[in-house]
């Protein structure tokens, strides 16, 4: 759900309200689009606007975006993740 700034809030406050109205899957997709390159769960977590979000929640959203919403796909490559373990990379489908 989008936030409409009808009360003339500052740009920063408006962004914060908009983020709070987005579902987590939408936020993950928005972060991925802003990266403009293949991404992994750890990369999304590093750029995620909501602090203290568990990486498992990011992974769940990536699973949903891939398997249910078909908006991303795996690249077939792995990168080192946050905890030194390999993670799949994904890209946004055009």
N, C-alpha and C. Protein backbone atom coordinates (compact mmCIF):
# COMPACT_ATOMS: atom_id res chain seq x y z
N UNK A 1 0.85 -1.16 0.00
CA UNK A 1 0.00 0.00 0.00
C UNK A 1 0.90 1.24 0.00
N UNK A 2 0.64 2.15 -0.85
CA UNK A 2 1.44 3.36 -0.96
C UNK A 2 1.02 4.38 0.09
N UNK A 3 1.96 5.21 0.47
CA UNK A 3 1.68 6.30 1.40
C UNK A 3 1.55 7.58 0.58
N UNK A 4 0.49 8.30 0.78
CA UNK A 4 0.27 9.55 0.08
C UNK A 4 0.50 10.70 1.05
N UNK A 5 1.45 11.54 0.73
CA UNK A 5 1.88 12.60 1.63
C UNK A 5 0.91 13.78 1.59
N UNK A 6 -0.23 13.62 2.21
CA UNK A 6 -1.24 14.67 2.21
C UNK A 6 -1.05 15.67 3.34
N UNK A 7 -0.08 15.38 4.23
CA UNK A 7 0.16 16.27 5.36
C UNK A 7 1.48 17.02 5.25
N UNK A 8 2.05 17.03 4.06
CA UNK A 8 3.29 17.77 3.76
C UNK A 8 4.43 17.43 4.70
N UNK A 9 4.65 16.14 4.92
CA UNK A 9 5.78 15.70 5.74
C UNK A 9 7.08 15.88 4.97
N UNK A 10 8.21 15.84 5.68
CA UNK A 10 9.51 15.95 5.03
C UNK A 10 9.73 14.74 4.13
N UNK A 11 10.67 14.85 3.22
CA UNK A 11 10.96 13.75 2.30
C UNK A 11 11.37 12.51 3.06
N UNK A 12 12.24 12.68 4.06
CA UNK A 12 12.69 11.53 4.86
C UNK A 12 11.52 10.88 5.60
N UNK A 13 10.68 11.66 6.21
CA UNK A 13 9.54 11.12 6.94
C UNK A 13 8.57 10.44 5.99
N UNK A 14 8.39 11.00 4.83
CA UNK A 14 7.51 10.42 3.82
C UNK A 14 8.04 9.06 3.38
N UNK A 15 9.36 8.95 3.18
CA UNK A 15 9.97 7.67 2.80
C UNK A 15 9.76 6.63 3.90
N UNK A 16 9.92 7.05 5.14
CA UNK A 16 9.75 6.14 6.27
C UNK A 16 8.32 5.63 6.34
N UNK A 17 7.36 6.50 6.16
CA UNK A 17 5.95 6.09 6.18
C UNK A 17 5.65 5.14 5.02
N UNK A 18 6.22 5.43 3.86
CA UNK A 18 6.00 4.59 2.70
C UNK A 18 6.56 3.19 2.94
N UNK A 19 7.76 3.11 3.51
CA UNK A 19 8.36 1.82 3.81
C UNK A 19 7.53 1.04 4.82
N UNK A 20 6.99 1.73 5.80
CA UNK A 20 6.21 1.02 6.82
C UNK A 20 4.90 0.46 6.25
N UNK A 21 4.45 1.00 5.13
CA UNK A 21 3.23 0.51 4.50
C UNK A 21 3.47 -0.64 3.53
N UNK A 22 4.72 -0.88 3.18
CA UNK A 22 5.03 -1.93 2.21
C UNK A 22 5.12 -3.28 2.91
N UNK A 23 4.75 -4.30 2.22
CA UNK A 23 4.94 -5.65 2.71
C UNK A 23 6.42 -6.00 2.55
N UNK A 24 6.88 -6.94 3.34
CA UNK A 24 8.29 -7.30 3.30
C UNK A 24 8.73 -7.77 1.92
N UNK A 25 7.91 -8.54 1.22
CA UNK A 25 8.27 -9.00 -0.12
C UNK A 25 8.48 -7.81 -1.06
N UNK A 26 7.64 -6.81 -0.93
CA UNK A 26 7.77 -5.61 -1.77
C UNK A 26 9.05 -4.86 -1.44
N UNK A 27 9.40 -4.81 -0.16
CA UNK A 27 10.62 -4.12 0.24
C UNK A 27 11.84 -4.85 -0.30
N UNK A 28 11.86 -6.17 -0.18
CA UNK A 28 12.97 -6.96 -0.70
C UNK A 28 13.12 -6.72 -2.20
N UNK A 29 12.02 -6.73 -2.93
CA UNK A 29 12.07 -6.50 -4.37
C UNK A 29 12.57 -5.08 -4.68
N UNK A 30 12.12 -4.10 -3.91
CA UNK A 30 12.57 -2.72 -4.13
C UNK A 30 14.07 -2.58 -3.86
N UNK A 31 14.56 -3.22 -2.80
CA UNK A 31 16.00 -3.17 -2.51
C UNK A 31 16.78 -3.84 -3.63
N UNK A 32 16.30 -4.98 -4.11
CA UNK A 32 16.97 -5.69 -5.21
C UNK A 32 17.02 -4.83 -6.46
N UNK A 33 15.93 -4.14 -6.76
CA UNK A 33 15.91 -3.27 -7.94
C UNK A 33 16.91 -2.13 -7.79
N UNK A 34 17.02 -1.59 -6.59
CA UNK A 34 17.97 -0.49 -6.35
C UNK A 34 19.42 -0.94 -6.48
N UNK A 35 19.69 -2.20 -6.20
CA UNK A 35 21.06 -2.71 -6.33
C UNK A 35 21.51 -2.76 -7.78
N UNK A 36 20.56 -2.97 -8.69
CA UNK A 36 20.83 -3.01 -10.14
C UNK A 36 21.90 -4.02 -10.53
N UNK A 37 21.96 -5.14 -9.81
CA UNK A 37 22.88 -6.22 -10.13
C UNK A 37 22.37 -7.48 -9.45
N UNK A 38 22.91 -8.65 -9.79
CA UNK A 38 22.49 -9.87 -9.09
C UNK A 38 22.70 -9.72 -7.59
N UNK A 39 21.87 -10.38 -6.81
CA UNK A 39 21.89 -10.19 -5.36
C UNK A 39 21.71 -11.52 -4.64
N UNK A 40 22.11 -11.52 -3.38
CA UNK A 40 21.90 -12.66 -2.49
C UNK A 40 21.15 -12.16 -1.26
N UNK A 41 20.76 -13.08 -0.40
CA UNK A 41 20.03 -12.71 0.81
C UNK A 41 20.86 -11.78 1.69
N UNK A 42 22.15 -12.05 1.83
CA UNK A 42 23.01 -11.19 2.66
C UNK A 42 23.13 -9.79 2.09
N UNK A 43 23.19 -9.68 0.77
CA UNK A 43 23.26 -8.35 0.14
C UNK A 43 21.98 -7.56 0.42
N UNK A 44 20.85 -8.23 0.34
CA UNK A 44 19.57 -7.57 0.63
C UNK A 44 19.55 -7.13 2.09
N UNK A 45 19.96 -8.01 2.99
CA UNK A 45 19.96 -7.68 4.42
C UNK A 45 20.83 -6.46 4.70
N UNK A 46 21.98 -6.37 4.06
CA UNK A 46 22.90 -5.26 4.27
C UNK A 46 22.26 -3.92 3.88
N UNK A 47 21.39 -3.93 2.87
CA UNK A 47 20.75 -2.71 2.38
C UNK A 47 19.30 -2.56 2.86
N UNK A 48 18.84 -3.49 3.69
CA UNK A 48 17.44 -3.49 4.12
C UNK A 48 17.16 -2.30 5.03
N UNK A 49 16.08 -1.56 4.77
CA UNK A 49 15.83 -0.33 5.55
C UNK A 49 15.31 -0.57 6.96
N UNK A 50 14.79 -1.74 7.24
CA UNK A 50 14.25 -2.00 8.59
C UNK A 50 15.31 -2.74 9.40
N UNK A 51 15.76 -2.13 10.48
CA UNK A 51 16.79 -2.72 11.32
C UNK A 51 16.26 -3.97 12.03
N UNK A 52 17.19 -4.84 12.38
CA UNK A 52 16.89 -6.06 13.15
C UNK A 52 15.97 -7.04 12.42
N UNK A 53 15.97 -7.00 11.11
CA UNK A 53 15.21 -7.97 10.34
C UNK A 53 16.04 -9.26 10.24
N UNK A 54 15.51 -10.40 10.63
CA UNK A 54 16.28 -11.65 10.54
C UNK A 54 16.53 -12.03 9.08
N UNK A 55 17.71 -12.58 8.82
CA UNK A 55 18.04 -12.98 7.45
C UNK A 55 17.09 -14.08 6.97
N UNK A 56 16.55 -14.86 7.89
CA UNK A 56 15.59 -15.90 7.48
C UNK A 56 14.33 -15.28 6.89
N UNK A 57 13.96 -14.10 7.35
CA UNK A 57 12.80 -13.41 6.78
C UNK A 57 13.10 -12.93 5.37
N UNK A 58 14.33 -12.48 5.15
CA UNK A 58 14.75 -12.07 3.80
C UNK A 58 14.72 -13.28 2.88
N UNK A 59 15.24 -14.40 3.35
CA UNK A 59 15.24 -15.62 2.54
C UNK A 59 13.82 -16.09 2.21
N UNK A 60 12.91 -15.94 3.18
CA UNK A 60 11.52 -16.32 2.93
C UNK A 60 10.93 -15.44 1.83
N UNK A 61 11.21 -14.16 1.88
CA UNK A 61 10.71 -13.26 0.84
C UNK A 61 11.31 -13.59 -0.52
N UNK A 62 12.59 -13.92 -0.54
CA UNK A 62 13.24 -14.31 -1.81
C UNK A 62 12.56 -15.57 -2.36
N UNK A 63 12.28 -16.52 -1.49
CA UNK A 63 11.57 -17.74 -1.91
C UNK A 63 10.21 -17.39 -2.50
N UNK A 64 9.48 -16.52 -1.83
CA UNK A 64 8.15 -16.11 -2.32
C UNK A 64 8.26 -15.39 -3.66
N UNK A 65 9.21 -14.49 -3.78
CA UNK A 65 9.38 -13.74 -5.03
C UNK A 65 9.75 -14.67 -6.19
N UNK A 66 10.49 -15.72 -5.89
CA UNK A 66 10.90 -16.66 -6.94
C UNK A 66 9.80 -17.68 -7.25
N UNK A 67 9.33 -18.40 -6.25
CA UNK A 67 8.43 -19.53 -6.48
C UNK A 67 6.96 -19.17 -6.63
N UNK A 68 6.52 -18.12 -5.96
CA UNK A 68 5.10 -17.78 -6.00
C UNK A 68 4.79 -16.61 -6.92
N UNK A 69 5.65 -15.60 -6.91
CA UNK A 69 5.36 -14.39 -7.69
C UNK A 69 6.12 -14.33 -9.01
N UNK A 70 7.10 -15.21 -9.18
CA UNK A 70 7.90 -15.28 -10.43
C UNK A 70 8.44 -13.92 -10.85
N UNK A 71 9.00 -13.17 -9.92
CA UNK A 71 9.58 -11.86 -10.24
C UNK A 71 11.10 -11.89 -10.24
N UNK A 72 11.69 -12.96 -9.69
CA UNK A 72 13.14 -13.11 -9.69
C UNK A 72 13.47 -14.54 -10.09
N UNK A 73 14.74 -14.75 -10.48
CA UNK A 73 15.20 -16.09 -10.80
C UNK A 73 16.65 -16.26 -10.36
N UNK A 74 17.06 -17.50 -10.04
CA UNK A 74 18.45 -17.72 -9.66
C UNK A 74 19.36 -17.57 -10.87
N UNK A 75 20.57 -17.06 -10.64
CA UNK A 75 21.53 -16.90 -11.73
C UNK A 75 22.32 -18.18 -11.96
N UNK A 76 22.28 -19.10 -10.99
CA UNK A 76 23.08 -20.32 -11.07
C UNK A 76 24.44 -20.15 -10.41
N UNK A 77 24.73 -18.95 -9.92
CA UNK A 77 26.01 -18.68 -9.26
C UNK A 77 25.79 -18.57 -7.76
N UNK A 78 26.85 -18.83 -7.01
CA UNK A 78 26.81 -18.68 -5.56
C UNK A 78 27.88 -17.67 -5.14
N UNK A 79 27.59 -16.95 -4.07
CA UNK A 79 28.54 -16.01 -3.49
C UNK A 79 28.64 -16.30 -2.00
N UNK A 80 29.70 -15.82 -1.37
CA UNK A 80 29.85 -16.02 0.06
C UNK A 80 28.86 -15.13 0.79
N UNK A 81 28.12 -15.72 1.70
CA UNK A 81 27.12 -14.99 2.44
C UNK A 81 27.64 -14.41 3.74
N UNK A 82 26.74 -13.86 4.48
CA UNK A 82 27.04 -13.18 5.74
C UNK A 82 27.79 -14.06 6.72
N UNK A 83 27.48 -15.32 6.78
CA UNK A 83 28.08 -16.23 7.76
C UNK A 83 29.14 -17.14 7.13
N UNK A 84 29.70 -16.73 5.98
CA UNK A 84 30.76 -17.49 5.33
C UNK A 84 30.28 -18.70 4.56
N UNK A 85 28.99 -18.86 4.44
CA UNK A 85 28.42 -19.98 3.69
C UNK A 85 27.99 -19.51 2.31
N UNK A 86 28.01 -20.40 1.32
CA UNK A 86 27.57 -19.99 -0.02
C UNK A 86 26.07 -19.70 -0.07
N UNK A 87 25.72 -18.66 -0.80
CA UNK A 87 24.32 -18.29 -1.03
C UNK A 87 24.09 -18.15 -2.52
N UNK A 88 22.89 -18.53 -2.94
CA UNK A 88 22.53 -18.35 -4.34
C UNK A 88 22.38 -16.87 -4.67
N UNK A 89 22.74 -16.52 -5.88
CA UNK A 89 22.47 -15.18 -6.39
C UNK A 89 21.21 -15.23 -7.23
N UNK A 90 20.47 -14.13 -7.23
CA UNK A 90 19.25 -14.00 -8.00
C UNK A 90 19.30 -12.74 -8.84
N UNK A 91 18.46 -12.70 -9.83
CA UNK A 91 18.30 -11.49 -10.65
C UNK A 91 16.82 -11.26 -10.87
N UNK A 92 16.50 -10.02 -11.13
CA UNK A 92 15.09 -9.63 -11.36
C UNK A 92 14.73 -9.99 -12.79
N UNK A 93 13.56 -10.58 -12.97
CA UNK A 93 13.07 -10.87 -14.32
C UNK A 93 12.51 -9.60 -14.93
N UNK A 94 12.77 -9.42 -16.18
CA UNK A 94 12.31 -8.20 -16.86
C UNK A 94 10.98 -8.43 -17.51
